[in-house]
Structures are given as structure tokens and as C-alpha cells.
Amino acid sequence: MAANEAKRHHYVPRFYMRRFACAGDKNKVMVLERHRDFLVAGCKSIEGIGYEEHLYYYDDNGAPASVEDDLNKVIETPFSKSATWLKISDGNCASLDASDRLPLYGFARHLQLRNLETLRFIETQYARYLTKELEDELTDEERDMYAWIASDPGAAHELFRAGAIETMLPADASAINVIVCQTPIALRSSTNPAIRLSHPGNDSVFGKMFNSLRTWWLALDRHWGAFFVAGGPPGFSSGAVPPDIARVVNRLYLVQLLEGGARYMLADDDFLGEDLEWAAFTFAQRTSRSFRYRKTTSAS
């Protein structure tokens, strides 16, 4: 690892967060962050959020190493210059078509795999494995994986790094259905932006027809987002969706923040106050730089 390598390892690309930048400053975003029983809304520098110091650092036989540069060169820079992202960054999401289906899916998957919360999930699941809490849920493949993690103190982080730098799409990529949506109200995002909406065995917020499917959502900018659906017929479609759909996914980002799945929610929309009330937070104080909301009672 070079002596001048950046200490701040961003787990959500800055070029992505700029799609939600403040109107008067492309280097800042309006965010909501939680401090125990308070939520604080204010403007933050994109450079100062969505990172962890030395997140991708590891010890390579006594020598310091990192996959940060590889992430930038192999994945981030190529995608940020791709035809797919240029449509998005130019504000031309309406021109996204079937040729963008796999690039969009690959990017959404990458955002999940490289995120700090994925590392935390690996560590948490391994801790549950050690206490035998997962004993009846594991496949043989998962047992082998945890046995490997147990054999090496750095294995959990190695597994995380391998996912972060992965460029090959999984076998189900050819069967992915991508639905690009335009919304009439402003969308939110977060520092863990690709969120899971449904998974077999769990009830989906979108109804029974989604219960057997694996579904994710990624906001692409303030008024465009995409559903990624696995388990049904493959395809690509694009069109407008009603405000109610946008309200649902926006609230899911708020739930994600409240449950600790993201450090920051990117939000600057007309329904934030109403949704905070729905989540049982009430306005508490305005300062020169932020707004504070206090937890009250259980959410409805």
C-alpha cells in the first residue's frame, strides 16, 4: 500500500451520491443521520460520508495492502464512464433500454457487496455460527465457509474483499428482470443504497405476488430508480409509477436508517416530515446548520 494512499475508503461511490446533490452545491447532499433517540437533518459534504478509514486494508504476509485502488480502476472508473452511467449522469434515464439491463444489475449488486454493512453482516452471522444459533439453518456449503472463516482470523474480511472486487455476474444474471421507474416525487437514497425488498419465505411490502421472488431497489437519481427481480421471467421495462410506489421505497430507506442498516439517508423531499411523524419522531430543534427530531412513542 503506497504511503500516500487515501485513508478514507468509500463504500458507496461519490459519483453515485452526486446524483442526489444539493441544487446549489454538487459536492454536498442533504442527509438524515441517527444519534440514539434523535435524528439530525443537515447538509454534508459527499467527501465526508459513506466511507470507513482503511476499510479495504489488509495485511499481505506482513506488508500493508488494499483493494481500494483496484476498486477504482477495475469497477468504479469503468462504470462511471460507461454508456449506461452517462445516460443517468446526463439526466437521461428515459433513454435506458435493454442494453443497460446487465450493467444496472451489476452496479446494484456491486453496491451491496462492497458496502460496510455487508462486512458487518458477515461478522454478525459468523458470531451466530459460533454460538450454534444457525445450526439448523446452514447448508453444507455454508458450514464449509464458516469452518474456513474459523481457521483464519482474517478470513471474514477476505471474503468481504473478494465480493467487493468481484466483476463476474452470478448465474442468475441472465434471468434478471429490471424495471426502470420514473416517479413524480423526489426519491431518497442512502449510504447503503441497494436495498432488498423481498426474499422467498418473507412477506413483501408489495404483496403476495412478490413473496416468492428476490427483489431489490436502487434509486438512480431524484426521480428515477430501478427494481431488480430474480425468480420470475427475465426482461427489461421502463415507465412512470404512481407516487404511492415512491412513498413506499422512500420509507424503506428511512426504516433502513432506523434499524442501523445505513449511517446516512440522502433525503430532500416534501414528505420527510410526514414520514418522520409516521416513524414516531417529532421536531425538536433548529440550529444554524441542521434540524433535530426526537423519538417519541412507538411508530404506528
Foldseek 3Di string as FASTA:
>chain_A
DDPPDDQWQALFDLVQVLLQADPVDSQKFWKWFDDVQKIKTFIDGSVPDRTDGCLQWDQDPNDIDGCSVVLVPVPVVVLCPDPCNVCLVVVNNVPDDPVCLLVVVQVLQLSQLSHPLVLVVLVVVLVCVVVCVCVVPDDPVVVVLSVVCVVDVCSSSVSSNCSNNDDDDDPQSVFKAKEKEFEPWFAKAASSRWAWQEDAPDAGPVGDVCNHWTWIKGARHGTMIMIIITDDGYYYYYYYDYNVVRVVVRLVLVVCNVVPVGRIMRDDTPCPQVSCVQQQWAWDDDDPTITMIGHDDHHD
